[in-house]
Amino acid sequence: MKLFSKLHLVGYRVLKDKPVRLFPVFGRFRTKLLRAGIRVSCVVYVSAMFFWSLITASIISVLAVGILYISNRNLYILYGALTGLICGGSIFALFLLYPAYREVSWRTRIDRNLVYLTNYLAMLSSAGATIGDMFLSLAKIDDFYGVRRSARSVIRDVELLGHDIITALNEESKRSPSGKYTTLLQGLIATVRVGGDLKAYLSTMSREFMGYRRRRLEKIVGNLDLAGELFVTALIAFPVIIVTMLAVMSLFGSQLGGGFSTIEAMFITVYLIVPLMGIGILAFINAIMSGW
């Protein structure tokens, strides 16, 4: 994390706030960074994004031009510049997408544990704990529920900034990447303001989140059934059919289009197409299970 911060500061020290002033649209990154839990100033992050993209593009362009020149390639300057632009653009895209990735990852973890979180808070409420005591407890225990960072932000606002617990919860609800967690926080605020029963509210929300969890699991099971069918079709039936068909064609001396022989087509199918389909199916299964 320290190295991560230092890399950002290098870009900011060189470019200062020029990227944000030249491209005000990137000022909206502040909300994305907050929801992703990235503790870096928006101006610093945007400056680092431009700086490292330009540095990468410059270095790769020079290296590519040199390599292509030594290899006696035509248009080596053009191809070298294009290679640098592609690499620099890739770094820029990584900076753009990283907050969204962090936000989705954090939101998924919070949503997955909301039913357990509300049960835990309901037990604390039954024992007579106040809202401040609840979030202090969440800030101290291990991150079982995915909200320790959020709880620490609430406690920081109360103890260091002098906010009352209602204001701190309201501010945290604006920073939350999870709409359901935001709803829970706003409900806690409303319950405290009207003097309602916290235990009853939390028990009700626990049942609601349990229903959401059940529907989510049913959807995951359905998607896993689909992944199983894709596995059988793409990695078992498809290779057998293609290899058998190509073997029969080779017996009759048939040739494929583009100058490929049937043997070459078999090698491409077995060593390229099938592994790529397997990787795609594994990625699909991983995406499904990430919502568990």
C-alpha atoms as a PDB file:
ATOM      1  CA  MET A   1       0.000   0.000   0.000  1.00  0.00           C
ATOM      2  CA  LYS A   2       2.892   2.388   0.726  1.00  0.00           C
ATOM      3  CA  LEU A   3       4.412   1.646  -2.688  1.00  0.00           C
ATOM      4  CA  PHE A   4       0.981   2.233  -4.246  1.00  0.00           C
ATOM      5  CA  SER A   5       0.792   5.673  -2.601  1.00  0.00           C
ATOM      6  CA  LYS A   6       4.350   6.591  -3.587  1.00  0.00           C
ATOM      7  CA  LEU A   7       3.664   5.774  -7.243  1.00  0.00           C
ATOM      8  CA  HIS A   8       0.687   8.116  -7.174  1.00  0.00           C
ATOM      9  CA  LEU A   9       2.684  10.878  -5.511  1.00  0.00           C
ATOM     10  CA  VAL A  10       5.409  10.683  -8.182  1.00  0.00           C
ATOM     11  CA  GLY A  11       2.845  11.508 -10.865  1.00  0.00           C
ATOM     12  CA  TYR A  12       1.356  14.326  -8.812  1.00  0.00           C
ATOM     13  CA  ARG A  13       4.749  15.894  -8.075  1.00  0.00           C
ATOM     14  CA  VAL A  14       5.503  16.065 -11.791  1.00  0.00           C
ATOM     15  CA  LEU A  15       2.126  17.089 -13.235  1.00  0.00           C
ATOM     16  CA  LYS A  16       0.547  18.744 -10.166  1.00  0.00           C
ATOM     17  CA  ASP A  17      -3.171  19.399 -10.831  1.00  0.00           C
ATOM     18  CA  LYS A  18      -2.787  20.132 -14.569  1.00  0.00           C
ATOM     19  CA  PRO A  19      -4.687  16.998 -15.788  1.00  0.00           C
ATOM     20  CA  VAL A  20      -7.776  17.804 -13.706  1.00  0.00           C
ATOM     21  CA  ARG A  21      -7.741  21.449 -14.803  1.00  0.00           C
ATOM     22  CA  LEU A  22      -7.346  20.484 -18.467  1.00  0.00           C
ATOM     23  CA  PHE A  23      -9.952  17.688 -18.263  1.00  0.00           C
ATOM     24  CA  PRO A  24     -12.527  18.659 -15.581  1.00  0.00           C
ATOM     25  CA  VAL A  25     -14.565  15.530 -16.350  1.00  0.00           C
ATOM     26  CA  PHE A  26     -12.053  13.504 -14.315  1.00  0.00           C
ATOM     27  CA  GLY A  27     -13.071  15.474 -11.237  1.00  0.00           C
ATOM     28  CA  ARG A  28     -15.972  13.036 -10.950  1.00  0.00           C
ATOM     29  CA  PHE A  29     -13.455  10.385  -9.930  1.00  0.00           C
ATOM     30  CA  ARG A  30     -13.740  11.546  -6.336  1.00  0.00           C
ATOM     31  CA  THR A  31     -17.026   9.669  -5.826  1.00  0.00           C
ATOM     32  CA  LYS A  32     -15.679   6.539  -7.509  1.00  0.00           C
ATOM     33  CA  LEU A  33     -12.570   6.537  -5.334  1.00  0.00           C
ATOM     34  CA  LEU A  34     -14.629   6.964  -2.165  1.00  0.00           C
ATOM     35  CA  ARG A  35     -16.981   4.112  -3.095  1.00  0.00           C
ATOM     36  CA  ALA A  36     -14.011   1.923  -3.983  1.00  0.00           C
ATOM     37  CA  GLY A  37     -12.362   2.605  -0.628  1.00  0.00           C
ATOM     38  CA  ILE A  38      -9.217   4.013  -2.304  1.00  0.00           C
ATOM     39  CA  ARG A  39      -7.655   6.502   0.111  1.00  0.00           C
ATOM     40  CA  VAL A  40      -6.075   8.696  -2.544  1.00  0.00           C
ATOM     41  CA  SER A  41      -7.026  12.242  -3.506  1.00  0.00           C
ATOM     42  CA  CYS A  42      -8.854  12.531  -6.816  1.00  0.00           C
ATOM     43  CA  VAL A  43      -6.328  15.096  -8.103  1.00  0.00           C
ATOM     44  CA  VAL A  44      -3.397  12.846  -7.138  1.00  0.00           C
ATOM     45  CA  TYR A  45      -5.001   9.781  -8.728  1.00  0.00           C
ATOM     46  CA  VAL A  46      -5.771  11.519 -12.037  1.00  0.00           C
ATOM     47  CA  SER A  47      -2.273  13.034 -12.216  1.00  0.00           C
ATOM     48  CA  ALA A  48      -0.748   9.593 -11.636  1.00  0.00           C
ATOM     49  CA  MET A  49      -3.020   8.123 -14.301  1.00  0.00           C
ATOM     50  CA  PHE A  50      -1.792  10.563 -16.946  1.00  0.00           C
ATOM     51  CA  PHE A  51       1.837  10.483 -15.799  1.00  0.00           C
ATOM     52  CA  TRP A  52       2.328   6.711 -15.838  1.00  0.00           C
ATOM     53  CA  SER A  53       0.407   6.357 -19.097  1.00  0.00           C
ATOM     54  CA  LEU A  54       2.693   8.904 -20.782  1.00  0.00           C
ATOM     55  CA  ILE A  55       5.839   7.358 -19.277  1.00  0.00           C
ATOM     56  CA  THR A  56       4.809   3.865 -20.407  1.00  0.00           C
ATOM     57  CA  ALA A  57       3.933   5.052 -23.909  1.00  0.00           C
ATOM     58  CA  SER A  58       7.266   6.894 -24.254  1.00  0.00           C
ATOM     59  CA  ILE A  59       9.469   4.051 -22.995  1.00  0.00           C
ATOM     60  CA  ILE A  60       7.704   1.343 -25.010  1.00  0.00           C
ATOM     61  CA  SER A  61       7.750   3.507 -28.158  1.00  0.00           C
ATOM     62  CA  VAL A  62      11.515   4.041 -27.913  1.00  0.00           C
ATOM     63  CA  LEU A  63      12.173   0.344 -27.237  1.00  0.00           C
ATOM     64  CA  ALA A  64       9.861  -0.796 -30.031  1.00  0.00           C
ATOM     65  CA  VAL A  65      11.382   1.627 -32.556  1.00  0.00           C
ATOM     66  CA  GLY A  66      14.876   0.445 -31.626  1.00  0.00           C
ATOM     67  CA  ILE A  67      13.998  -3.227 -31.899  1.00  0.00           C
ATOM     68  CA  LEU A  68      12.192  -2.765 -35.214  1.00  0.00           C
ATOM     69  CA  TYR A  69      15.055  -0.658 -36.595  1.00  0.00           C
ATOM     70  CA  ILE A  70      17.622  -3.324 -35.687  1.00  0.00           C
ATOM     71  CA  SER A  71      15.361  -5.930 -37.292  1.00  0.00           C
ATOM     72  CA  ASN A  72      15.271  -3.854 -40.518  1.00  0.00           C
ATOM     73  CA  ARG A  73      11.490  -3.539 -40.470  1.00  0.00           C
ATOM     74  CA  ASN A  74       9.697  -1.100 -42.727  1.00  0.00           C
ATOM     75  CA  LEU A  75       7.734   1.772 -41.130  1.00  0.00           C
ATOM     76  CA  TYR A  76       9.490   1.048 -37.827  1.00  0.00           C
ATOM     77  CA  ILE A  77       8.705   4.514 -36.446  1.00  0.00           C
ATOM     78  CA  LEU A  78       4.985   4.145 -37.142  1.00  0.00           C
ATOM     79  CA  TYR A  79       4.740   0.655 -35.681  1.00  0.00           C
ATOM     80  CA  GLY A  80       6.869   1.615 -32.683  1.00  0.00           C
ATOM     81  CA  ALA A  81       4.667   4.629 -31.961  1.00  0.00           C
ATOM     82  CA  LEU A  82       1.525   2.519 -32.300  1.00  0.00           C
ATOM     83  CA  THR A  83       2.950  -0.071 -29.893  1.00  0.00           C
ATOM     84  CA  GLY A  84       3.719   2.667 -27.370  1.00  0.00           C
ATOM     85  CA  LEU A  85       0.248   4.180 -27.709  1.00  0.00           C
ATOM     86  CA  ILE A  86      -1.389   0.793 -27.179  1.00  0.00           C
ATOM     87  CA  CYS A  87       0.677   0.099 -24.044  1.00  0.00           C
ATOM     88  CA  GLY A  88       0.128   3.607 -22.679  1.00  0.00           C
ATOM     89  CA  GLY A  89      -3.588   3.349 -23.420  1.00  0.00           C
ATOM     90  CA  SER A  90      -3.682   0.027 -21.577  1.00  0.00           C
ATOM     91  CA  ILE A  91      -2.169   1.625 -18.461  1.00  0.00           C
ATOM     92  CA  PHE A  92      -4.676   4.484 -18.735  1.00  0.00           C
ATOM     93  CA  ALA A  93      -7.535   1.980 -19.029  1.00  0.00           C
ATOM     94  CA  LEU A  94      -6.280   0.079 -15.964  1.00  0.00           C
ATOM     95  CA  PHE A  95      -6.320   3.279 -13.905  1.00  0.00           C
ATOM     96  CA  LEU A  96      -9.844   4.037 -15.158  1.00  0.00           C
ATOM     97  CA  LEU A  97     -11.230   0.581 -14.457  1.00  0.00           C
ATOM     98  CA  TYR A  98      -9.459  -0.208 -11.178  1.00  0.00           C
ATOM     99  CA  PRO A  99     -11.836   1.869  -8.968  1.00  0.00           C
ATOM    100  CA  ALA A 100     -14.842   0.205 -10.616  1.00  0.00           C
ATOM    101  CA  TYR A 101     -13.309  -3.225  -9.967  1.00  0.00           C
ATOM    102  CA  ARG A 102     -12.655  -2.365  -6.314  1.00  0.00           C
ATOM    103  CA  GLU A 103     -16.163  -0.957  -5.942  1.00  0.00           C
ATOM    104  CA  VAL A 104     -17.835  -4.061  -7.391  1.00  0.00           C
ATOM    105  CA  SER A 105     -15.644  -6.359  -5.285  1.00  0.00           C
ATOM    106  CA  TRP A 106     -16.446  -4.481  -2.061  1.00  0.00           C
ATOM    107  CA  ARG A 107     -20.157  -4.240  -2.906  1.00  0.00           C
ATOM    108  CA  THR A 108     -20.346  -7.977  -3.581  1.00  0.00           C
ATOM    109  CA  ARG A 109     -18.714  -8.789  -0.251  1.00  0.00           C
ATOM    110  CA  ILE A 110     -21.019  -6.467   1.691  1.00  0.00           C
ATOM    111  CA  ASP A 111     -24.178  -7.752  -0.017  1.00  0.00           C
ATOM    112  CA  ARG A 112     -23.100 -11.346   0.612  1.00  0.00           C
ATOM    113  CA  ASN A 113     -22.783 -10.774   4.368  1.00  0.00           C
ATOM    114  CA  LEU A 114     -25.684  -8.406   5.055  1.00  0.00           C
ATOM    115  CA  VAL A 115     -27.891 -11.144   6.496  1.00  0.00           C
ATOM    116  CA  TYR A 116     -25.152 -12.042   9.012  1.00  0.00           C
ATOM    117  CA  LEU A 117     -24.418  -8.374   9.733  1.00  0.00           C
ATOM    118  CA  THR A 118     -28.031  -7.554  10.595  1.00  0.00           C
ATOM    119  CA  ASN A 119     -28.277 -10.616  12.861  1.00  0.00           C
ATOM    120  CA  TYR A 120     -25.105  -9.530  14.653  1.00  0.00           C
ATOM    121  CA  LEU A 121     -26.384  -5.981  15.111  1.00  0.00           C
ATOM    122  CA  ALA A 122     -29.762  -7.307  16.318  1.00  0.00           C
ATOM    123  CA  MET A 123     -27.994  -9.344  19.012  1.00  0.00           C
ATOM    124  CA  LEU A 124     -26.024  -6.278  20.110  1.00  0.00           C
ATOM    125  CA  SER A 125     -29.237  -4.252  20.223  1.00  0.00           C
ATOM    126  CA  SER A 126     -30.876  -6.943  22.381  1.00  0.00           C
ATOM    127  CA  ALA A 127     -27.986  -6.562  24.814  1.00  0.00           C
ATOM    128  CA  GLY A 128     -28.668  -2.826  25.092  1.00  0.00           C
ATOM    129  CA  ALA A 129     -25.918  -1.548  22.782  1.00  0.00           C
ATOM    130  CA  THR A 130     -26.343   1.847  21.152  1.00  0.00           C
ATOM    131  CA  ILE A 131     -25.656   2.501  17.466  1.00  0.00           C
ATOM    132  CA  GLY A 132     -22.283   3.968  18.392  1.00  0.00           C
ATOM    133  CA  ASP A 133     -21.429   0.815  20.372  1.00  0.00           C
ATOM    134  CA  MET A 134     -22.466  -1.345  17.409  1.00  0.00           C
ATOM    135  CA  PHE A 135     -20.169   0.378  14.939  1.00  0.00           C
ATOM    136  CA  LEU A 136     -17.353   0.550  17.465  1.00  0.00           C
ATOM    137  CA  SER A 137     -17.636  -3.223  17.788  1.00  0.00           C
ATOM    138  CA  LEU A 138     -17.647  -3.643  13.991  1.00  0.00           C
ATOM    139  CA  ALA A 139     -14.551  -1.454  13.760  1.00  0.00           C
ATOM    140  CA  LYS A 140     -12.640  -3.572  16.288  1.00  0.00           C
ATOM    141  CA  ILE A 141     -13.483  -7.139  15.235  1.00  0.00           C
ATOM    142  CA  ASP A 142     -12.076  -8.929  12.204  1.00  0.00           C
ATOM    143  CA  ASP A 143     -13.657  -8.070   8.869  1.00  0.00           C
ATOM    144  CA  PHE A 144     -16.190 -10.923   8.927  1.00  0.00           C
ATOM    145  CA  TYR A 145     -18.974  -8.838   7.420  1.00  0.00           C
ATOM    146  CA  GLY A 146     -16.994  -6.729   4.929  1.00  0.00           C
ATOM    147  CA  VAL A 147     -17.870  -3.437   6.665  1.00  0.00           C
ATOM    148  CA  ARG A 148     -14.978  -2.891   9.066  1.00  0.00           C
ATOM    149  CA  ARG A 149     -13.602  -0.143   6.814  1.00  0.00           C
ATOM    150  CA  SER A 150     -17.038   1.485   6.800  1.00  0.00           C
ATOM    151  CA  ALA A 151     -17.373   1.195  10.585  1.00  0.00           C
ATOM    152  CA  ARG A 152     -13.952   2.736  11.093  1.00  0.00           C
ATOM    153  CA  SER A 153     -14.960   5.668   8.892  1.00  0.00           C
ATOM    154  CA  VAL A 154     -18.050   6.206  11.052  1.00  0.00           C
ATOM    155  CA  ILE A 155     -16.046   6.061  14.288  1.00  0.00           C
ATOM    156  CA  ARG A 156     -13.424   8.395  12.796  1.00  0.00           C
ATOM    157  CA  ASP A 157     -16.089  10.947  11.901  1.00  0.00           C
ATOM    158  CA  VAL A 158     -17.488  10.782  15.437  1.00  0.00           C
ATOM    159  CA  GLU A 159     -14.298  10.731  17.479  1.00  0.00           C
ATOM    160  CA  LEU A 160     -11.962  12.864  15.348  1.00  0.00           C
ATOM    161  CA  LEU A 161     -14.257  15.184  13.395  1.00  0.00           C
ATOM    162  CA  GLY A 162     -16.793  15.647  16.176  1.00  0.00           C
ATOM    163  CA  HIS A 163     -19.855  14.569  14.170  1.00  0.00           C
ATOM    164  CA  ASP A 164     -22.832  13.033  15.907  1.00  0.00           C
ATOM    165  CA  ILE A 165     -23.586   9.402  15.042  1.00  0.00           C
ATOM    166  CA  ILE A 166     -26.546  10.324  12.789  1.00  0.00           C
ATOM    167  CA  THR A 167     -24.430  12.667  10.663  1.00  0.00           C
ATOM    168  CA  ALA A 168     -21.602  10.122  10.506  1.00  0.00           C
ATOM    169  CA  LEU A 169     -23.974   7.368   9.344  1.00  0.00           C
ATOM    170  CA  ASN A 170     -25.532   9.662   6.765  1.00  0.00           C
ATOM    171  CA  GLU A 171     -22.115  10.572   5.341  1.00  0.00           C
ATOM    172  CA  GLU A 172     -21.082   6.932   5.249  1.00  0.00           C
ATOM    173  CA  SER A 173     -24.261   5.960   3.398  1.00  0.00           C
ATOM    174  CA  LYS A 174     -23.199   8.348   0.609  1.00  0.00           C
ATOM    175  CA  ARG A 175     -19.793   6.652   0.363  1.00  0.00           C
ATOM    176  CA  SER A 176     -21.102   3.094   0.388  1.00  0.00           C
ATOM    177  CA  PRO A 177     -20.763   1.064  -2.836  1.00  0.00           C
ATOM    178  CA  SER A 178     -23.745  -1.112  -1.833  1.00  0.00           C
ATOM    179  CA  GLY A 179     -27.282   0.168  -2.293  1.00  0.00           C
ATOM    180  CA  LYS A 180     -28.590  -2.383   0.199  1.00  0.00           C
ATOM    181  CA  TYR A 181     -26.080  -1.326   2.846  1.00  0.00           C
ATOM    182  CA  THR A 182     -27.037   2.302   2.198  1.00  0.00           C
ATOM    183  CA  THR A 183     -30.690   1.361   2.745  1.00  0.00           C
ATOM    184  CA  LEU A 184     -29.739  -0.335   6.022  1.00  0.00           C
ATOM    185  CA  LEU A 185     -27.864   2.761   7.248  1.00  0.00           C
ATOM    186  CA  GLN A 186     -30.671   5.124   6.264  1.00  0.00           C
ATOM    187  CA  GLY A 187     -33.135   2.846   8.052  1.00  0.00           C
ATOM    188  CA  LEU A 188     -30.982   2.949  11.195  1.00  0.00           C
ATOM    189  CA  ILE A 189     -30.957   6.747  11.012  1.00  0.00           C
ATOM    190  CA  ALA A 190     -34.740   6.923  10.610  1.00  0.00           C
ATOM    191  CA  THR A 191     -35.317   4.433  13.450  1.00  0.00           C
ATOM    192  CA  VAL A 192     -33.119   6.408  15.850  1.00  0.00           C
ATOM    193  CA  ARG A 193     -34.740   9.725  14.927  1.00  0.00           C
ATOM    194  CA  VAL A 194     -38.290   8.495  15.572  1.00  0.00           C
ATOM    195  CA  GLY A 195     -37.279   6.544  18.669  1.00  0.00           C
ATOM    196  CA  GLY A 196     -38.192   3.188  17.102  1.00  0.00           C
ATOM    197  CA  ASP A 197     -37.220  -0.329  18.137  1.00  0.00           C
ATOM    198  CA  LEU A 198     -33.773  -1.056  16.702  1.00  0.00           C
ATOM    199  CA  LYS A 199     -34.023  -4.771  17.386  1.00  0.00           C
ATOM    200  CA  ALA A 200     -37.340  -5.055  15.525  1.00  0.00           C
ATOM    201  CA  TYR A 201     -35.982  -3.055  12.575  1.00  0.00           C
ATOM    202  CA  LEU A 202     -32.813  -5.127  12.339  1.00  0.00           C
ATOM    203  CA  SER A 203     -34.760  -8.385  12.602  1.00  0.00           C
ATOM    204  CA  THR A 204     -37.041  -7.248   9.776  1.00  0.00           C
ATOM    205  CA  MET A 205     -34.063  -6.304   7.601  1.00  0.00           C
ATOM    206  CA  SER A 206     -32.419  -9.627   8.392  1.00  0.00           C
ATOM    207  CA  ARG A 207     -35.453 -11.501   7.053  1.00  0.00           C
ATOM    208  CA  GLU A 208     -35.486  -9.285   3.961  1.00  0.00           C
ATOM    209  CA  PHE A 209     -31.804  -9.892   3.270  1.00  0.00           C
ATOM    210  CA  MET A 210     -32.293 -13.597   3.892  1.00  0.00           C
ATOM    211  CA  GLY A 211     -34.935 -13.646   1.155  1.00  0.00           C
ATOM    212  CA  TYR A 212     -32.577 -11.774  -1.161  1.00  0.00           C
ATOM    213  CA  ARG A 213     -29.802 -14.249  -0.308  1.00  0.00           C
ATOM    214  CA  ARG A 214     -32.085 -17.192  -1.070  1.00  0.00           C
ATOM    215  CA  ARG A 215     -33.065 -15.752  -4.465  1.00  0.00           C
ATOM    216  CA  ARG A 216     -29.421 -15.029  -5.208  1.00  0.00           C
ATOM    217  CA  LEU A 217     -28.420 -18.610  -4.423  1.00  0.00           C
ATOM    218  CA  GLU A 218     -31.190 -19.957  -6.635  1.00  0.00           C
ATOM    219  CA  LYS A 219     -29.888 -17.799  -9.493  1.00  0.00           C
ATOM    220  CA  ILE A 220     -26.326 -19.018  -8.876  1.00  0.00           C
ATOM    221  CA  VAL A 221     -27.467 -22.654  -9.007  1.00  0.00           C
ATOM    222  CA  GLY A 222     -29.250 -21.996 -12.294  1.00  0.00           C
ATOM    223  CA  ASN A 223     -26.137 -20.362 -13.755  1.00  0.00           C
ATOM    224  CA  LEU A 224     -23.994 -23.285 -12.588  1.00  0.00           C
ATOM    225  CA  ASP A 225     -26.360 -25.659 -14.396  1.00  0.00           C
ATOM    226  CA  LEU A 226     -25.803 -23.581 -17.535  1.00  0.00           C
ATOM    227  CA  ALA A 227     -22.021 -23.693 -16.985  1.00  0.00           C
ATOM    228  CA  GLY A 228     -22.207 -27.499 -16.667  1.00  0.00           C
ATOM    229  CA  GLU A 229     -24.057 -27.766 -19.975  1.00  0.00           C
ATOM    230  CA  LEU A 230     -21.493 -25.470 -21.635  1.00  0.00           C
ATOM    231  CA  PHE A 231     -18.683 -27.622 -20.228  1.00  0.00           C
ATOM    232  CA  VAL A 232     -20.152 -30.826 -21.639  1.00  0.00           C
ATOM    233  CA  THR A 233     -20.923 -29.244 -25.013  1.00  0.00           C
ATOM    234  CA  ALA A 234     -17.727 -27.234 -25.541  1.00  0.00           C
ATOM    235  CA  LEU A 235     -15.083 -29.407 -23.887  1.00  0.00           C
ATOM    236  CA  ILE A 236     -16.399 -32.927 -24.446  1.00  0.00           C
ATOM    237  CA  ALA A 237     -18.832 -33.125 -27.370  1.00  0.00           C
ATOM    238  CA  PHE A 238     -17.287 -30.399 -29.570  1.00  0.00           C
ATOM    239  CA  PRO A 239     -13.679 -31.753 -29.616  1.00  0.00           C
ATOM    240  CA  VAL A 240     -14.880 -35.318 -30.263  1.00  0.00           C
ATOM    241  CA  ILE A 241     -17.120 -34.221 -33.163  1.00  0.00           C
ATOM    242  CA  ILE A 242     -14.516 -31.941 -34.763  1.00  0.00           C
ATOM    243  CA  VAL A 243     -11.614 -34.388 -34.439  1.00  0.00           C
ATOM    244  CA  THR A 244     -13.746 -37.256 -35.797  1.00  0.00           C
ATOM    245  CA  MET A 245     -14.909 -35.124 -38.716  1.00  0.00           C
ATOM    246  CA  LEU A 246     -11.355 -34.001 -39.529  1.00  0.00           C
ATOM    247  CA  ALA A 247     -10.058 -37.574 -39.281  1.00  0.00           C
ATOM    248  CA  VAL A 248     -12.696 -38.775 -41.766  1.00  0.00           C
ATOM    249  CA  MET A 249     -11.874 -35.867 -44.112  1.00  0.00           C
ATOM    250  CA  SER A 250      -8.175 -36.725 -43.995  1.00  0.00           C
ATOM    251  CA  LEU A 251      -8.939 -40.293 -45.091  1.00  0.00           C
ATOM    252  CA  PHE A 252     -10.465 -38.915 -48.288  1.00  0.00           C
ATOM    253  CA  GLY A 253      -7.603 -36.453 -48.824  1.00  0.00           C
ATOM    254  CA  SER A 254      -9.786 -33.374 -48.295  1.00  0.00           C
ATOM    255  CA  GLN A 255      -8.218 -29.968 -47.726  1.00  0.00           C
ATOM    256  CA  LEU A 256      -9.559 -27.040 -45.734  1.00  0.00           C
ATOM    257  CA  GLY A 257      -9.760 -23.440 -46.916  1.00  0.00           C
ATOM    258  CA  GLY A 258      -6.858 -21.067 -46.380  1.00  0.00           C
ATOM    259  CA  GLY A 259      -4.232 -23.715 -47.124  1.00  0.00           C
ATOM    260  CA  PHE A 260      -4.715 -25.589 -43.805  1.00  0.00           C
ATOM    261  CA  SER A 261      -4.508 -29.361 -43.814  1.00  0.00           C
ATOM    262  CA  THR A 262      -6.809 -31.482 -41.655  1.00  0.00           C
ATOM    263  CA  ILE A 263      -3.855 -32.399 -39.387  1.00  0.00           C
ATOM    264  CA  GLU A 264      -3.067 -28.730 -38.811  1.00  0.00           C
ATOM    265  CA  ALA A 265      -6.743 -28.067 -38.088  1.00  0.00           C
ATOM    266  CA  MET A 266      -6.675 -30.873 -35.480  1.00  0.00           C
ATOM    267  CA  PHE A 267      -3.652 -29.314 -33.785  1.00  0.00           C
ATOM    268  CA  ILE A 268      -5.323 -25.874 -33.775  1.00  0.00           C
ATOM    269  CA  THR A 269      -8.521 -27.342 -32.327  1.00  0.00           C
ATOM    270  CA  VAL A 270      -6.826 -29.426 -29.627  1.00  0.00           C
ATOM    271  CA  TYR A 271      -4.070 -27.027 -28.558  1.00  0.00           C
ATOM    272  CA  LEU A 272      -5.691 -23.630 -29.147  1.00  0.00           C
ATOM    273  CA  ILE A 273      -9.462 -23.572 -29.534  1.00  0.00           C
ATOM    274  CA  VAL A 274     -10.345 -26.107 -26.809  1.00  0.00           C
ATOM    275  CA  PRO A 275      -8.006 -24.569 -24.154  1.00  0.00           C
ATOM    276  CA  LEU A 276      -9.366 -21.087 -24.922  1.00  0.00           C
ATOM    277  CA  MET A 277     -12.949 -22.340 -24.531  1.00  0.00           C
ATOM    278  CA  GLY A 278     -11.936 -24.002 -21.272  1.00  0.00           C
ATOM    279  CA  ILE A 279     -10.463 -20.739 -19.967  1.00  0.00           C
ATOM    280  CA  GLY A 280     -13.651 -18.918 -20.992  1.00  0.00           C
ATOM    281  CA  ILE A 281     -15.839 -21.412 -19.119  1.00  0.00           C
ATOM    282  CA  LEU A 282     -13.618 -21.210 -16.013  1.00  0.00           C
ATOM    283  CA  ALA A 283     -13.880 -17.413 -16.127  1.00  0.00           C
ATOM    284  CA  PHE A 284     -17.670 -17.730 -16.409  1.00  0.00           C
ATOM    285  CA  ILE A 285     -17.804 -20.082 -13.394  1.00  0.00           C
ATOM    286  CA  ASN A 286     -15.521 -17.763 -11.408  1.00  0.00           C
ATOM    287  CA  ALA A 287     -17.805 -14.811 -12.189  1.00  0.00           C
ATOM    288  CA  ILE A 288     -20.786 -16.841 -10.982  1.00  0.00           C
ATOM    289  CA  MET A 289     -19.143 -17.959  -7.749  1.00  0.00           C
ATOM    290  CA  SER A 290     -17.869 -14.465  -6.927  1.00  0.00           C
ATOM    291  CA  GLY A 291     -21.449 -13.567  -6.026  1.00  0.00           C
ATOM    292  CA  TRP A 292     -21.711 -16.394  -3.449  1.00  0.00           C
END
